[in-house]
Protein backbone atom coordinates (compact mmCIF):
# COMPACT_ATOMS: atom_id res chain seq x y z
CA MET A 1 -16.42 -23.08 8.40
CA SER A 2 -16.92 -26.87 8.41
CA ARG A 3 -14.92 -29.09 10.74
CA GLY A 4 -13.05 -30.62 7.81
CA VAL A 5 -12.00 -27.21 6.49
CA GLN A 6 -11.06 -26.06 9.97
CA THR A 7 -8.83 -29.12 10.40
CA ARG A 8 -7.09 -28.40 7.08
CA VAL A 9 -6.58 -24.79 8.14
CA TRP A 10 -4.93 -25.86 11.39
CA LEU A 11 -2.76 -28.52 9.78
CA GLY A 12 -1.64 -26.22 6.98
CA SER A 13 -0.93 -23.35 9.38
CA ILE A 14 1.10 -25.55 11.73
CA GLY A 15 3.06 -26.90 8.78
CA HIS A 16 3.81 -23.40 7.56
CA LEU A 17 4.87 -22.22 11.01
CA MET A 18 7.16 -25.22 11.39
CA LEU A 19 8.71 -24.52 8.00
CA MET A 20 9.48 -20.95 9.05
CA ALA A 21 10.79 -21.96 12.49
CA VAL A 22 13.11 -24.65 11.15
CA THR A 23 14.50 -22.78 8.16
CA ALA A 24 14.93 -19.25 9.60
CA PRO A 25 18.01 -20.16 11.70
CA LEU A 26 19.60 -21.96 8.74
CA TRP A 27 19.16 -18.94 6.46
CA ALA A 28 20.36 -16.54 9.14
CA ILE A 29 23.55 -18.56 9.63
CA ALA A 30 24.01 -18.72 5.85
CA GLY A 31 23.53 -14.96 5.69
CA MET A 32 26.21 -14.33 8.31
CA ALA A 33 28.53 -16.61 6.37
CA THR A 34 28.13 -14.35 3.31
CA LEU A 35 29.08 -11.06 4.99
CA LEU A 36 32.21 -10.76 2.85
CA LEU A 37 30.28 -11.24 -0.38
CA PRO A 38 28.85 -8.35 -2.42
CA TYR A 39 25.55 -6.99 -1.10
CA ARG A 40 23.58 -8.27 -4.09
CA TRP A 41 24.68 -11.85 -3.41
CA ARG A 42 23.79 -11.60 0.28
CA TYR A 43 20.43 -10.12 -0.65
CA ARG A 44 19.62 -12.97 -3.03
CA ILE A 45 20.59 -15.67 -0.53
CA LEU A 46 18.62 -14.19 2.36
CA MET A 47 15.55 -13.19 0.34
CA SER A 48 15.29 -16.72 -1.05
CA TRP A 49 13.99 -17.63 2.43
CA ALA A 50 11.17 -15.07 2.16
CA TRP A 51 10.24 -16.26 -1.32
CA MET A 52 10.21 -19.89 -0.13
CA VAL A 53 7.92 -18.97 2.76
CA ILE A 54 5.53 -17.18 0.41
CA ALA A 55 5.60 -19.99 -2.19
CA ALA A 56 4.81 -22.57 0.51
CA LEU A 57 1.52 -20.84 1.33
CA ARG A 58 -0.14 -22.31 -1.77
CA PRO A 59 0.48 -26.05 -1.21
CA LEU A 60 0.27 -25.90 2.59
CA CYS A 61 -2.49 -23.36 3.17
CA GLY A 62 -4.34 -22.98 -0.13
CA ILE A 63 -3.35 -19.32 -0.50
CA HIS A 64 -2.59 -17.96 -3.94
CA THR A 65 -1.95 -14.48 -5.28
CA ARG A 66 -3.33 -12.32 -8.08
CA VAL A 67 -1.37 -9.18 -9.01
CA TYR A 68 -2.49 -6.11 -10.94
CA GLY A 69 -0.65 -2.98 -12.02
CA LEU A 70 2.89 -4.23 -12.52
CA GLU A 71 3.00 -2.05 -15.63
CA ASN A 72 2.85 0.95 -13.27
CA LEU A 73 6.30 0.22 -11.83
CA PRO A 74 8.90 2.63 -13.27
CA GLN A 75 12.37 1.51 -14.33
CA GLN A 76 13.96 3.61 -11.60
CA ALA A 77 13.58 2.57 -7.96
CA CYS A 78 11.25 4.81 -5.97
CA VAL A 79 9.30 5.04 -2.71
CA VAL A 80 6.55 2.44 -2.22
CA MET A 81 3.72 2.98 0.26
CA ALA A 82 1.70 -0.11 1.04
CA LYS A 83 -1.26 -1.12 3.16
CA HIS A 84 -0.13 -3.03 6.25
CA GLN A 85 -2.40 -5.89 7.33
CA SER A 86 -0.14 -8.91 7.62
CA ALA A 87 3.38 -10.32 7.70
CA TRP A 88 2.76 -11.37 4.10
CA GLU A 89 3.48 -8.02 2.43
CA THR A 90 6.78 -7.61 4.28
CA LEU A 91 8.03 -10.85 2.74
CA ALA A 92 6.24 -10.77 -0.61
CA LEU A 93 6.56 -7.23 -1.97
CA PRO A 94 10.34 -7.47 -2.62
CA TYR A 95 9.56 -10.24 -5.12
CA TRP A 96 8.32 -7.52 -7.49
CA LEU A 97 10.50 -4.72 -6.07
CA ASP A 98 14.00 -6.07 -6.40
CA PRO A 99 16.14 -5.13 -4.56
CA ALA A 100 14.16 -3.52 -1.75
CA SER A 101 14.67 -2.01 1.68
CA TRP A 102 12.06 -1.46 4.37
CA VAL A 103 11.43 1.31 6.87
CA LEU A 104 10.84 -0.64 10.07
CA LYS A 105 11.08 -0.62 13.85
CA ARG A 106 14.61 -1.08 15.13
CA SER A 107 13.32 -3.56 17.72
CA LEU A 108 12.67 -6.09 14.93
CA LEU A 109 16.41 -6.48 14.46
CA ARG A 110 16.65 -8.00 17.94
CA ILE A 111 14.46 -10.99 17.07
CA PRO A 112 16.70 -14.10 17.12
CA PHE A 113 17.69 -15.34 13.66
CA PHE A 114 14.97 -13.44 11.77
CA GLY A 115 16.23 -10.08 13.00
CA TRP A 116 19.86 -11.04 12.43
CA GLY A 117 19.17 -11.92 8.82
CA LEU A 118 17.08 -8.79 8.40
CA LYS A 119 19.93 -6.62 9.65
CA ILE A 120 22.23 -7.99 6.92
CA LEU A 121 19.73 -6.72 4.32
CA ARG A 122 20.35 -3.10 5.46
CA PRO A 123 16.80 -1.95 6.29
CA ILE A 124 16.05 1.59 7.43
CA ALA A 125 15.64 0.74 11.09
CA ILE A 126 14.31 3.60 13.20
CA ASP A 127 13.44 4.27 16.82
CA ARG A 128 9.95 5.74 16.69
CA ALA A 129 10.42 7.39 20.07
CA ALA A 130 13.38 9.37 18.71
CA GLY A 131 11.13 11.97 17.11
CA LYS A 132 13.02 14.32 14.79
CA GLU A 133 16.04 12.01 14.77
CA ALA A 134 13.90 9.22 13.30
CA TRP A 135 12.80 11.56 10.50
CA GLN A 136 16.42 12.37 9.74
CA GLN A 137 17.27 8.66 9.62
CA ILE A 138 14.52 8.04 7.07
CA LEU A 139 15.70 10.92 4.87
CA ALA A 140 19.42 10.13 5.05
CA GLN A 141 19.23 6.35 4.80
CA GLY A 142 16.32 6.41 2.37
CA GLU A 143 18.17 8.74 0.01
CA ARG A 144 21.20 6.44 0.12
CA GLN A 145 19.07 3.38 -0.67
CA LEU A 146 17.38 5.11 -3.61
CA ASP A 147 20.70 6.35 -4.95
CA GLU A 148 21.80 2.70 -4.99
CA GLU A 149 18.57 1.82 -6.85
CA ARG A 150 16.89 -0.03 -4.00
CA TRP A 151 13.14 0.38 -3.67
CA VAL A 152 12.17 1.82 -0.29
CA ILE A 153 9.05 0.17 1.14
CA VAL A 154 7.12 2.22 3.68
CA PHE A 155 4.04 1.15 5.62
CA PRO A 156 2.54 4.57 6.33
CA GLU A 157 0.10 3.27 8.95
CA GLY A 158 3.10 2.21 11.02
CA THR A 159 1.57 -1.00 12.31
CA ARG A 160 -0.65 -3.75 10.98
CA VAL A 161 -4.36 -2.99 10.92
CA ALA A 162 -7.23 -5.47 10.80
CA PRO A 163 -9.14 -5.99 7.54
CA GLY A 164 -11.74 -3.28 7.06
CA GLU A 165 -9.86 -0.84 9.28
CA ARG A 166 -7.70 2.19 8.51
CA GLY A 167 -4.74 3.39 10.54
CA ARG A 168 -3.40 6.92 10.72
CA TYR A 169 -1.25 7.59 7.66
CA ARG A 170 2.12 9.09 8.59
CA SER A 171 4.06 11.30 6.21
CA GLY A 172 7.64 9.98 6.54
CA GLY A 173 7.55 8.37 3.10
CA ALA A 174 6.16 11.54 1.55
CA HIS A 175 9.01 13.59 3.01
CA LEU A 176 11.51 11.12 1.55
CA ALA A 177 9.87 11.25 -1.89
CA ILE A 178 9.81 15.05 -1.87
CA HIS A 179 13.41 15.21 -0.64
CA THR A 180 14.72 12.86 -3.35
CA GLY A 181 12.36 13.83 -6.16
CA ARG A 182 11.29 10.21 -6.60
CA PRO A 183 7.63 9.30 -7.20
CA ILE A 184 5.53 7.12 -4.89
CA ILE A 185 3.95 3.82 -5.90
CA PRO A 186 0.87 3.11 -3.73
CA VAL A 187 0.03 -0.54 -3.06
CA ALA A 188 -3.25 -2.04 -1.88
CA HIS A 189 -3.73 -5.69 -0.90
CA ASN A 190 -5.98 -7.86 1.25
CA ALA A 191 -3.40 -10.25 2.74
CA GLY A 192 -4.90 -9.82 6.21
CA ARG A 193 -7.88 -11.92 5.13
CA CYS A 194 -5.68 -14.97 4.55
CA TRP A 195 -2.75 -14.34 6.93
CA PRO A 196 -4.22 -12.30 9.81
CA ARG A 197 -2.17 -10.25 12.22
CA ARG A 198 -1.80 -11.70 15.74
CA SER A 199 -2.96 -15.13 14.58
CA LEU A 200 -1.27 -18.48 14.05
CA LEU A 201 -3.74 -19.41 11.32
CA ARG A 202 -3.54 -18.93 7.58
CA TYR A 203 -6.86 -19.16 5.76
CA PRO A 204 -7.21 -20.45 2.17
CA GLY A 205 -8.14 -17.89 -0.44
CA GLU A 206 -6.78 -15.39 -2.92
CA ILE A 207 -4.59 -12.44 -1.98
CA THR A 208 -5.14 -9.57 -4.39
CA VAL A 209 -2.33 -7.04 -4.83
CA VAL A 210 -2.72 -3.79 -6.78
CA PHE A 211 0.23 -1.54 -7.67
CA GLY A 212 -1.03 1.96 -8.41
CA PRO A 213 0.27 4.53 -10.90
CA PRO A 214 3.17 6.73 -9.75
CA ILE A 215 2.21 9.70 -7.58
CA GLU A 216 4.52 12.64 -8.12
CA ALA A 217 5.81 14.25 -4.92
CA GLN A 218 8.37 16.82 -6.04
CA GLY A 219 7.33 20.40 -5.33
CA ARG A 220 4.26 19.40 -3.31
CA SER A 221 3.47 19.51 0.40
CA PRO A 222 3.67 16.29 2.44
CA SER A 223 0.01 16.64 3.45
CA ALA A 224 -1.15 16.89 -0.17
CA VAL A 225 0.95 13.89 -1.19
CA MET A 226 -0.28 11.78 1.71
CA ALA A 227 -3.90 12.71 1.03
CA GLU A 228 -3.54 11.39 -2.52
CA VAL A 229 -1.75 8.23 -1.38
CA GLU A 230 -4.32 7.48 1.31
CA THR A 231 -7.27 8.14 -0.99
CA TRP A 232 -5.90 5.82 -3.67
CA ILE A 233 -5.07 2.98 -1.26
CA GLU A 234 -8.32 3.12 0.69
CA THR A 235 -10.42 3.39 -2.48
CA GLN A 236 -8.77 0.21 -3.76
CA MET A 237 -9.18 -1.48 -0.38
CA ALA A 238 -12.93 -0.90 -0.50
CA GLN A 239 -13.00 -2.96 -3.68
CA ILE A 240 -10.62 -5.83 -2.84
CA ASP A 241 -10.73 -6.22 0.95
CA GLN A 242 -13.72 -8.53 1.17
CA PRO A 243 -14.25 -11.53 3.50
CA THR A 244 -13.07 -14.88 2.13
CA ASP A 245 -15.37 -17.90 1.97
CA GLN A 246 -13.12 -19.91 4.28
CA GLY A 247 -12.02 -17.40 6.90
CA PRO A 248 -14.09 -15.28 9.27
CA ALA A 249 -15.25 -11.82 8.15
CA ASN A 250 -12.67 -10.30 10.45
CA PRO A 251 -10.04 -12.84 11.50
CA ASN A 252 -8.94 -10.67 14.42
CA GLY A 253 -12.33 -10.01 15.88
CA SER A 254 -11.67 -6.28 15.99
């Protein structure tokens, strides 16, 4: 990477971080001021922050998005299982899956401002150390979200993984899909190339997102469902998760 490009990367990344830091408290306060409004209104107000953050990546950081497979999304909300490389997919996926809820770590709700706003959006917040109780939370809360026609976004690897790597796929989302009879939409993307985990930098380039065809779960075993989900996602990742021209081959060095 040339010095000029590196300077632009740093300036754009700092600008994007400042945008997030300055606006997150304002949106969180606005969200708390809307607690008496219908959920859909609160959702729109709070998610406008996420969509602003994603939209700002293009002018500030030179990051744009190409999306494939939107025709695979059914009319009825269902379970979505996505690759987890970055903060990008947490903020961006609800743009196409509206309204959405996430299965996430309860500890995220304690983050000042960001966590407060997130809590208002009614995520499925679980304590991973709770074992069987966490499974029950996913099933009970996930079923309620789906009944209210909210897409349930699950990151089956549990934590962000570096580009080119694969985490252990957990079956919580499969159990929810089997329990509710809803299909699973697998999602592959390479956001970690442009917005790496554990990094302040955002690298210019194109984020490719692929929504796969529905995977039926009803009447199947969780292991069989997860095997199909993992195979589809990782096959797509082998095609789209390539190093960008501007960023390092592996931004995290791992």
